[in-house]
Protein backbone atom coordinates (compact mmCIF):
# COMPACT_ATOMS: atom_id res chain seq x y z
CA MET A 1 24.40 6.57 34.23
CA SER A 2 24.36 10.02 32.57
CA TYR A 3 21.02 11.78 32.24
CA ILE A 4 22.25 14.62 30.02
CA TRP A 5 20.00 13.19 27.29
CA ILE A 6 16.99 14.40 29.31
CA VAL A 7 18.25 17.97 28.95
CA PHE A 8 18.52 17.50 25.19
CA ALA A 9 15.03 15.94 25.06
CA LEU A 10 13.47 18.80 27.04
CA ILE A 11 15.20 21.40 24.86
CA SER A 12 13.92 19.55 21.78
CA ALA A 13 10.36 19.50 23.14
CA PHE A 14 10.41 23.19 24.07
CA THR A 15 11.95 24.37 20.79
CA LEU A 16 9.49 22.33 18.72
CA ALA A 17 6.44 23.65 20.56
CA THR A 18 7.75 27.23 20.49
CA SER A 19 8.60 27.01 16.79
CA ASP A 20 5.08 25.72 16.05
CA ALA A 21 3.44 28.53 18.05
CA LEU A 22 5.51 31.24 16.34
CA THR A 23 4.89 29.62 12.96
CA LYS A 24 1.14 29.66 13.58
CA ARG A 25 1.36 33.40 14.17
CA ALA A 26 3.23 33.85 10.91
CA LEU A 27 0.59 31.79 9.10
CA GLN A 28 -2.21 34.19 9.94
CA ASN A 29 -1.40 36.45 6.97
CA SER A 30 0.90 34.31 4.82
CA ASN A 31 0.88 31.46 2.32
CA GLU A 32 1.39 28.18 4.21
CA TYR A 33 3.74 26.69 1.60
CA LEU A 34 6.10 29.67 1.75
CA VAL A 35 5.98 29.65 5.54
CA ALA A 36 6.82 25.94 5.69
CA TRP A 37 9.71 26.31 3.25
CA PHE A 38 11.27 29.37 4.86
CA ARG A 39 11.11 27.69 8.26
CA LEU A 40 13.17 24.87 6.76
CA VAL A 41 15.57 27.37 5.13
CA PHE A 42 16.23 29.15 8.41
CA SER A 43 16.79 25.82 10.19
CA LEU A 44 19.76 24.98 7.97
CA PRO A 45 22.51 27.37 9.20
CA LEU A 46 22.65 25.78 12.65
CA LEU A 47 22.60 22.26 11.22
CA LEU A 48 25.29 23.06 8.64
CA ILE A 49 27.53 24.45 11.40
CA VAL A 50 27.19 21.13 13.21
CA TRP A 51 28.33 19.42 9.99
CA PHE A 52 31.92 20.63 10.61
CA PHE A 53 32.11 18.88 13.99
CA ILE A 54 30.95 15.38 13.10
CA PRO A 55 32.65 12.55 11.19
CA ILE A 56 31.22 11.50 7.84
CA PRO A 57 30.06 7.86 8.10
CA GLN A 58 30.50 5.29 5.38
CA LEU A 59 27.15 4.90 3.66
CA ASP A 60 25.62 1.81 2.08
CA LYS A 61 22.64 1.06 -0.15
CA GLU A 62 20.35 0.54 2.87
CA PHE A 63 20.92 4.14 3.93
CA TYR A 64 20.07 5.49 0.49
CA ARG A 65 17.03 3.23 0.15
CA ALA A 66 15.56 4.33 3.50
CA PHE A 67 16.52 7.97 2.90
CA PHE A 68 14.82 8.30 -0.48
CA ILE A 69 11.72 6.34 0.53
CA ALA A 70 11.16 8.58 3.56
CA LEU A 71 11.92 11.87 1.77
CA PRO A 72 8.80 12.23 -0.45
CA ILE A 73 6.55 11.05 2.37
CA GLU A 74 8.11 13.65 4.66
CA ILE A 75 7.33 16.39 2.15
CA ILE A 76 3.66 15.40 2.25
CA THR A 77 3.72 15.54 6.07
CA ILE A 78 5.19 19.05 5.96
CA VAL A 79 2.25 20.24 3.84
CA LEU A 80 -0.33 18.59 6.08
CA TYR A 81 1.41 19.78 9.26
CA ILE A 82 1.56 23.42 8.21
CA LYS A 83 -2.05 23.36 7.00
CA ALA A 84 -3.14 21.93 10.37
CA LEU A 85 -1.35 24.74 12.20
CA LYS A 86 -3.02 27.32 9.96
CA VAL A 87 -6.67 26.23 10.02
CA SER A 88 -7.21 24.87 13.54
CA PRO A 89 -6.33 25.55 17.20
CA LEU A 90 -2.96 24.29 18.47
CA SER A 91 -4.66 22.68 21.45
CA LEU A 92 -6.88 20.59 19.17
CA THR A 93 -4.34 19.55 16.53
CA LEU A 94 -0.96 18.93 18.20
CA PRO A 95 -2.18 16.17 20.57
CA PHE A 96 -2.96 13.96 17.58
CA LEU A 97 0.78 13.56 17.01
CA ALA A 98 0.59 11.07 19.88
CA LEU A 99 -1.36 8.79 17.56
CA THR A 100 1.85 7.95 15.69
CA PRO A 101 2.74 5.01 18.01
CA ILE A 102 -0.55 3.29 17.20
CA VAL A 103 0.38 3.01 13.56
CA LEU A 104 4.03 2.42 14.45
CA ILE A 105 2.96 -0.83 16.09
CA PHE A 106 2.02 -2.12 12.65
CA ALA A 107 4.39 -0.12 10.44
CA SER A 108 7.49 -0.91 12.49
CA TYR A 109 6.56 -4.61 12.49
CA PHE A 110 6.51 -4.78 8.69
CA ILE A 111 9.38 -2.34 8.06
CA VAL A 112 11.74 -2.91 10.99
CA GLY A 113 10.42 -6.15 12.52
CA GLU A 114 9.38 -4.81 15.95
CA THR A 115 6.56 -6.46 17.90
CA VAL A 116 3.91 -5.28 20.40
CA SER A 117 3.26 -6.34 24.01
CA LEU A 118 0.26 -6.15 26.35
CA TRP A 119 1.51 -2.77 27.55
CA GLY A 120 1.33 -1.58 23.95
CA GLY A 121 -2.39 -2.40 23.89
CA THR A 122 -2.85 -0.45 27.12
CA GLY A 123 -1.13 2.55 25.58
CA ILE A 124 -3.37 2.34 22.52
CA PHE A 125 -6.46 2.41 24.74
CA LEU A 126 -5.21 5.50 26.59
CA ILE A 127 -4.39 7.33 23.37
CA ALA A 128 -7.84 6.57 21.95
CA SER A 129 -9.42 7.76 25.20
CA GLY A 130 -7.40 10.96 25.13
CA SER A 131 -8.45 11.75 21.57
CA TYR A 132 -12.09 11.30 22.66
CA ILE A 133 -11.66 13.70 25.58
CA LEU A 134 -10.28 16.40 23.27
CA ASN A 135 -13.86 17.00 22.14
CA LEU A 136 -15.63 16.06 25.37
CA SER A 137 -17.68 19.27 25.33
CA GLU A 138 -19.56 17.79 22.37
CA ILE A 139 -20.84 14.81 24.40
CA LYS A 140 -24.01 16.69 25.34
CA LYS A 141 -25.04 16.29 21.69
CA GLY A 142 -24.56 12.51 21.83
CA ILE A 143 -22.08 9.89 23.01
CA PHE A 144 -20.42 9.63 19.58
CA GLU A 145 -20.36 13.38 18.99
CA PRO A 146 -16.73 13.88 20.18
CA PHE A 147 -15.59 11.50 17.42
CA LYS A 148 -17.78 13.30 14.87
CA ALA A 149 -16.26 16.61 15.99
CA ILE A 150 -12.84 15.35 14.94
CA THR A 151 -14.08 14.79 11.39
CA ARG A 152 -15.48 18.33 11.26
CA GLU A 153 -12.17 19.92 12.26
CA LYS A 154 -9.89 20.05 9.20
CA GLY A 155 -6.76 20.66 11.26
CA SER A 156 -7.39 17.54 13.32
CA LEU A 157 -7.80 15.47 10.16
CA PHE A 158 -4.60 16.94 8.71
CA MET A 159 -2.68 16.16 11.91
CA ILE A 160 -4.04 12.61 12.04
CA GLY A 161 -2.66 12.23 8.52
CA VAL A 162 0.68 13.57 9.75
CA ALA A 163 0.69 11.07 12.61
CA LEU A 164 0.04 8.20 10.20
CA LEU A 165 2.77 9.27 7.80
CA TYR A 166 5.25 9.97 10.62
CA SER A 167 5.03 6.30 11.59
CA ILE A 168 6.37 5.40 8.14
CA THR A 169 9.10 8.05 8.00
CA ALA A 170 10.15 7.21 11.57
CA SER A 171 10.59 3.55 10.67
CA PHE A 172 12.68 4.29 7.59
CA GLY A 173 14.50 7.04 9.50
CA LYS A 174 15.57 4.50 12.08
CA ILE A 175 17.03 2.31 9.32
CA ALA A 176 18.89 5.32 7.85
CA ILE A 177 20.32 6.26 11.26
CA GLU A 178 21.49 2.70 11.88
CA HIS A 179 23.35 2.81 8.57
CA SER A 180 24.91 6.26 9.12
CA SER A 181 24.79 8.37 12.31
CA PRO A 182 22.02 10.42 14.00
CA LEU A 183 23.49 13.88 13.35
CA PHE A 184 24.62 13.07 9.82
CA PHE A 185 21.15 11.83 8.98
CA ALA A 186 19.49 14.92 10.50
CA ILE A 187 21.70 17.34 8.55
CA THR A 188 21.45 15.60 5.17
CA TYR A 189 17.74 14.87 5.58
CA PHE A 190 16.74 18.44 6.45
CA THR A 191 18.94 19.80 3.67
CA ALA A 192 17.33 17.46 1.13
CA LEU A 193 13.86 18.39 2.40
CA THR A 194 14.62 22.08 1.91
CA VAL A 195 15.93 21.54 -1.63
CA PHE A 196 13.16 19.25 -2.84
CA PHE A 197 10.35 21.22 -1.17
CA ALA A 198 11.54 24.48 -2.74
CA PRO A 199 9.88 24.09 -6.19
CA ILE A 200 6.61 23.03 -4.56
CA ALA A 201 6.57 25.98 -2.17
CA LEU A 202 7.62 28.53 -4.79
CA TRP A 203 4.99 27.29 -7.26
CA MET A 204 2.15 27.10 -4.73
CA GLY A 205 3.06 30.51 -3.35
CA ARG A 206 3.94 32.14 -6.68
CA TYR A 207 1.12 34.70 -6.51
CA GLU A 208 2.04 35.77 -2.99
CA LEU A 209 5.84 35.50 -3.16
CA LYS A 210 6.35 39.13 -4.25
CA SER A 211 4.28 40.56 -1.39
CA PHE A 212 5.78 37.98 0.98
CA MET A 213 9.27 39.27 0.18
CA SER A 214 8.43 42.98 -0.18
CA GLU A 215 6.60 43.07 3.13
CA MET A 216 9.46 41.14 4.74
CA GLN A 217 7.10 38.52 6.13
CA LEU A 218 9.97 36.05 6.13
CA ARG A 219 11.51 37.90 9.09
CA TYR A 220 8.82 36.32 11.26
CA LEU A 221 10.20 32.89 10.36
CA ILE A 222 13.84 33.44 11.29
CA LEU A 223 13.33 32.56 14.96
CA PRO A 224 10.94 29.64 14.26
CA GLY A 225 13.50 28.31 11.78
CA ILE A 226 16.41 28.60 14.20
CA LEU A 227 14.35 26.86 16.88
CA TYR A 228 13.40 24.15 14.37
CA GLY A 229 17.07 23.53 13.61
CA LEU A 230 17.88 23.45 17.31
CA MET A 231 15.06 20.95 17.80
CA ALA A 232 16.53 18.65 15.16
CA ALA A 233 20.06 18.89 16.56
CA THR A 234 19.10 18.28 20.20
CA HIS A 235 16.73 15.50 19.15
CA MET A 236 19.55 13.62 17.46
CA LEU A 237 22.04 14.35 20.25
CA GLY A 238 19.58 12.93 22.77
CA MET A 239 19.02 9.81 20.69
CA LYS A 240 22.77 9.29 20.53
CA LEU A 241 23.01 9.17 24.34
CA THR A 242 20.01 6.98 25.18
CA LYS A 243 17.37 4.69 23.73
CA VAL A 244 15.19 6.29 21.08
CA ALA A 245 12.06 5.32 23.04
CA TYR A 246 13.14 7.28 26.13
CA MET A 247 14.15 10.30 24.08
CA VAL A 248 10.87 10.47 22.14
CA SER A 249 8.80 9.98 25.31
CA VAL A 250 10.27 13.05 26.98
CA LYS A 251 10.13 15.04 23.76
CA ARG A 252 6.37 14.43 23.52
CA LEU A 253 6.02 16.99 26.32
CA SER A 254 5.88 19.36 23.35
CA LEU A 255 2.19 18.40 23.04
CA ILE A 256 1.35 19.87 26.44
CA ILE A 257 3.59 22.92 25.86
CA GLY A 258 1.82 23.49 22.54
CA ILE A 259 -1.60 23.39 24.17
CA LEU A 260 -0.46 25.95 26.75
CA TYR A 261 0.78 28.19 23.95
CA GLY A 262 -2.62 27.81 22.30
CA TYR A 263 -4.29 29.13 25.43
CA PHE A 264 -1.92 31.96 26.37
CA LEU A 265 -1.05 33.23 22.87
CA PHE A 266 -4.24 32.52 20.90
CA ARG A 267 -6.86 32.39 23.68
CA GLU A 268 -8.15 29.02 22.48
CA GLU A 269 -11.25 27.66 24.23
CA ASN A 270 -12.01 24.39 26.04
CA ILE A 271 -8.39 24.29 27.21
CA ARG A 272 -9.09 22.12 30.27
CA GLU A 273 -10.59 19.17 28.41
CA ARG A 274 -7.97 19.42 25.68
CA LEU A 275 -5.12 19.53 28.20
CA LEU A 276 -6.59 16.54 30.03
CA GLY A 277 -6.97 14.68 26.74
CA ALA A 278 -3.40 15.52 25.73
CA ILE A 279 -2.04 14.30 29.07
CA ILE A 280 -3.89 10.99 28.76
CA MET A 281 -2.64 10.58 25.20
CA LEU A 282 0.87 11.40 26.38
CA ILE A 283 0.67 8.76 29.14
CA GLY A 284 -0.44 6.22 26.56
CA PHE A 285 2.43 7.20 24.30
CA VAL A 286 4.97 6.87 27.13
CA ILE A 287 3.64 3.41 28.03
CA ILE A 288 3.91 2.25 24.43
CA VAL A 289 7.46 3.43 23.82
CA THR A 290 8.99 2.65 27.23
CA ALA A 291 7.16 -0.29 28.79
CA SER A 292 6.32 -2.44 25.76
């Protein structure tokens, strides 16, 4: 059995976490809508190059239905994701992406028809425990204080919203992939996101666009964009070679990588409890997607 998919999964995890860290740096002095859009723009060249090396699948109405249901929801997640990166520490926001499987248990049942096992319940418990530990330093104020701390951190709330919406887009994305091909879906989906997000980004950033361009702030998004495109390509290549559950499990190492970036690049505090919480959440995620 070939394990080349693990290489693709690890590259996908590393490029996602690195792109997020570099994007957070770019967000410090820039409009978040423009940053999000230009990251998408700079992700396209690599994906469009791949276009020339893949066959074009025959598409049906199920592909288009899933594609255009997921697209507007994905645009909302982009806004929430970039806002989370801007307003809160990486180490406190990124781990909440591991909450997606909790909602997937219900969303995938109604959308795709997947069911949950006892192991799934175990994974849910671990993810909930990990999210509690993220704010463990607050426990001295009361046993429920770590949960209250989540509600006070805007970035955490934004990322929880992202996790919820990702469960919907992931379910419809799976349908679209089954009715096309992984790479074809990735290329067309990211291209459509870039096109449809453009008017939103340009309108919301209209007062800052001139300075954004004149000061060449977009140059800080070239590398994050390239890495984002590489993430998408390797993600789909990995899924083509193995089960989606295995691929996503390994890719979720991006959570831990992101927390480490938060510490070394942004000197974020309480790194030990957040890393421990992220690891526990990651274990829960792995159990849900591989053992259930």
